[in-house]
C-alpha atoms as a PDB file:
ATOM      1  CA  UNK A   1      10.710 -17.709 -12.760  1.00  0.00           C
ATOM      2  CA  UNK A   2      11.945 -15.435  -9.971  1.00  0.00           C
ATOM      3  CA  UNK A   3       9.800 -12.567  -8.755  1.00  0.00           C
ATOM      4  CA  UNK A   4      10.919  -9.774  -6.456  1.00  0.00           C
ATOM      5  CA  UNK A   5       8.176  -8.447  -4.206  1.00  0.00           C
ATOM      6  CA  UNK A   6       8.464  -5.095  -2.488  1.00  0.00           C
ATOM      7  CA  UNK A   7       6.945  -4.462   0.909  1.00  0.00           C
ATOM      8  CA  UNK A   8       6.061  -0.800   1.330  1.00  0.00           C
ATOM      9  CA  UNK A   9       4.879   0.799   4.564  1.00  0.00           C
ATOM     10  CA  UNK A  10       3.104   4.136   4.529  1.00  0.00           C
ATOM     11  CA  UNK A  11       1.908   6.424   7.264  1.00  0.00           C
ATOM     12  CA  UNK A  12      -1.543   7.671   6.210  1.00  0.00           C
ATOM     13  CA  UNK A  13      -3.621  10.266   8.077  1.00  0.00           C
ATOM     14  CA  UNK A  14      -6.765   8.132   8.555  1.00  0.00           C
ATOM     15  CA  UNK A  15      -9.176   9.026  11.337  1.00  0.00           C
ATOM     16  CA  UNK A  16     -12.209   6.771  10.818  1.00  0.00           C
ATOM     17  CA  UNK A  17     -13.596   3.670   9.171  1.00  0.00           C
ATOM     18  CA  UNK A  18     -14.664   5.699   6.133  1.00  0.00           C
ATOM     19  CA  UNK A  19     -11.032   6.775   5.594  1.00  0.00           C
ATOM     20  CA  UNK A  20      -9.935   3.160   5.877  1.00  0.00           C
ATOM     21  CA  UNK A  21     -12.530   2.002   3.327  1.00  0.00           C
ATOM     22  CA  UNK A  22     -11.606   4.762   0.846  1.00  0.00           C
ATOM     23  CA  UNK A  23      -7.916   3.864   1.017  1.00  0.00           C
ATOM     24  CA  UNK A  24      -8.711   0.167   0.581  1.00  0.00           C
ATOM     25  CA  UNK A  25     -10.947   0.875  -2.404  1.00  0.00           C
ATOM     26  CA  UNK A  26      -8.257   3.070  -3.992  1.00  0.00           C
ATOM     27  CA  UNK A  27      -5.666   0.298  -3.634  1.00  0.00           C
ATOM     28  CA  UNK A  28      -8.069  -2.275  -5.095  1.00  0.00           C
ATOM     29  CA  UNK A  29      -8.900   0.052  -8.008  1.00  0.00           C
ATOM     30  CA  UNK A  30      -5.185   0.327  -8.846  1.00  0.00           C
ATOM     31  CA  UNK A  31      -4.684  -3.467  -8.876  1.00  0.00           C
ATOM     32  CA  UNK A  32      -2.704  -3.459  -5.649  1.00  0.00           C
ATOM     33  CA  UNK A  33      -3.858  -6.810  -4.403  1.00  0.00           C
ATOM     34  CA  UNK A  34      -2.023  -7.567  -1.183  1.00  0.00           C
ATOM     35  CA  UNK A  35      -2.224  -4.924   1.509  1.00  0.00           C
ATOM     36  CA  UNK A  36      -3.183  -4.378   5.119  1.00  0.00           C
ATOM     37  CA  UNK A  37      -4.564  -1.251   6.747  1.00  0.00           C
ATOM     38  CA  UNK A  38      -4.221  -0.527  10.461  1.00  0.00           C
ATOM     39  CA  UNK A  39      -6.481   2.384  11.321  1.00  0.00           C
ATOM     40  CA  UNK A  40      -5.285   2.664  14.932  1.00  0.00           C
ATOM     41  CA  UNK A  41      -1.638   3.140  13.978  1.00  0.00           C
ATOM     42  CA  UNK A  42      -2.503   4.913  10.690  1.00  0.00           C
ATOM     43  CA  UNK A  43      -0.328   2.475   8.695  1.00  0.00           C
ATOM     44  CA  UNK A  44      -0.810   0.891   5.301  1.00  0.00           C
ATOM     45  CA  UNK A  45       1.456  -2.019   4.316  1.00  0.00           C
ATOM     46  CA  UNK A  46       1.507  -3.106   0.677  1.00  0.00           C
ATOM     47  CA  UNK A  47       3.225  -6.117  -0.903  1.00  0.00           C
ATOM     48  CA  UNK A  48       3.640  -5.700  -4.652  1.00  0.00           C
ATOM     49  CA  UNK A  49       5.839  -6.952  -7.474  1.00  0.00           C
ATOM     50  CA  UNK A  50       4.404  -4.616 -10.100  1.00  0.00           C
ATOM     51  CA  UNK A  51       3.926  -1.172  -8.524  1.00  0.00           C
ATOM     52  CA  UNK A  52       6.486   1.382  -7.420  1.00  0.00           C
ATOM     53  CA  UNK A  53       6.316   3.228  -4.125  1.00  0.00           C
ATOM     54  CA  UNK A  54       5.319   6.390  -6.013  1.00  0.00           C
ATOM     55  CA  UNK A  55       2.465   4.578  -7.784  1.00  0.00           C
ATOM     56  CA  UNK A  56       1.130   3.242  -4.488  1.00  0.00           C
ATOM     57  CA  UNK A  57       1.493   6.640  -2.801  1.00  0.00           C
ATOM     58  CA  UNK A  58      -0.356   8.337  -5.661  1.00  0.00           C
ATOM     59  CA  UNK A  59      -3.185   5.782  -5.442  1.00  0.00           C
ATOM     60  CA  UNK A  60      -3.577   6.477  -1.722  1.00  0.00           C
ATOM     61  CA  UNK A  61      -3.350  10.251  -2.143  1.00  0.00           C
ATOM     62  CA  UNK A  62      -6.165  10.239  -4.732  1.00  0.00           C
ATOM     63  CA  UNK A  63      -8.432   9.717  -1.710  1.00  0.00           C
ATOM     64  CA  UNK A  64      -7.368  13.101  -0.329  1.00  0.00           C
ATOM     65  CA  UNK A  65      -5.149  11.540   2.335  1.00  0.00           C
ATOM     66  CA  UNK A  66      -1.442  12.230   2.752  1.00  0.00           C
ATOM     67  CA  UNK A  67       0.722   9.109   2.428  1.00  0.00           C
ATOM     68  CA  UNK A  68       4.332   9.108   3.622  1.00  0.00           C
ATOM     69  CA  UNK A  69       6.613   6.177   2.841  1.00  0.00           C
ATOM     70  CA  UNK A  70       8.176   5.110   6.145  1.00  0.00           C
ATOM     71  CA  UNK A  71       9.768   1.832   5.129  1.00  0.00           C
ATOM     72  CA  UNK A  72      10.434  -0.543   2.278  1.00  0.00           C
ATOM     73  CA  UNK A  73      12.070  -3.889   1.686  1.00  0.00           C
ATOM     74  CA  UNK A  74      12.187  -6.645  -0.860  1.00  0.00           C
ATOM     75  CA  UNK A  75      12.134 -10.391  -1.000  1.00  0.00           C
ATOM     76  CA  UNK A  76      12.720 -12.773  -3.874  1.00  0.00           C
ATOM     77  CA  UNK A  77      10.648 -15.847  -4.436  1.00  0.00           C
ATOM     78  CA  UNK A  78      10.305 -18.488  -7.108  1.00  0.00           C
ATOM     79  CA  UNK A  79       7.059 -19.062  -8.955  1.00  0.00           C
ATOM     80  CA  UNK A  80       6.576 -22.616 -10.119  1.00  0.00           C
END
């Protein structure tokens, strides 16, 4: 089975650890399992095969933060 994963990078206006935690919790609550948050550069990178960029953006913005998609890419891998 071949799965295409999308890597999405968002700029998110986070200013503190509380912002970072809220964004992380929102992504976890929307079953977005693989992500990284860099508070210093205000970036969130998500790897997903099941969510669209709009779905991820909406999950982040439910925290009250503005999320702007700044990059995306895809890779294909085989699942054994």
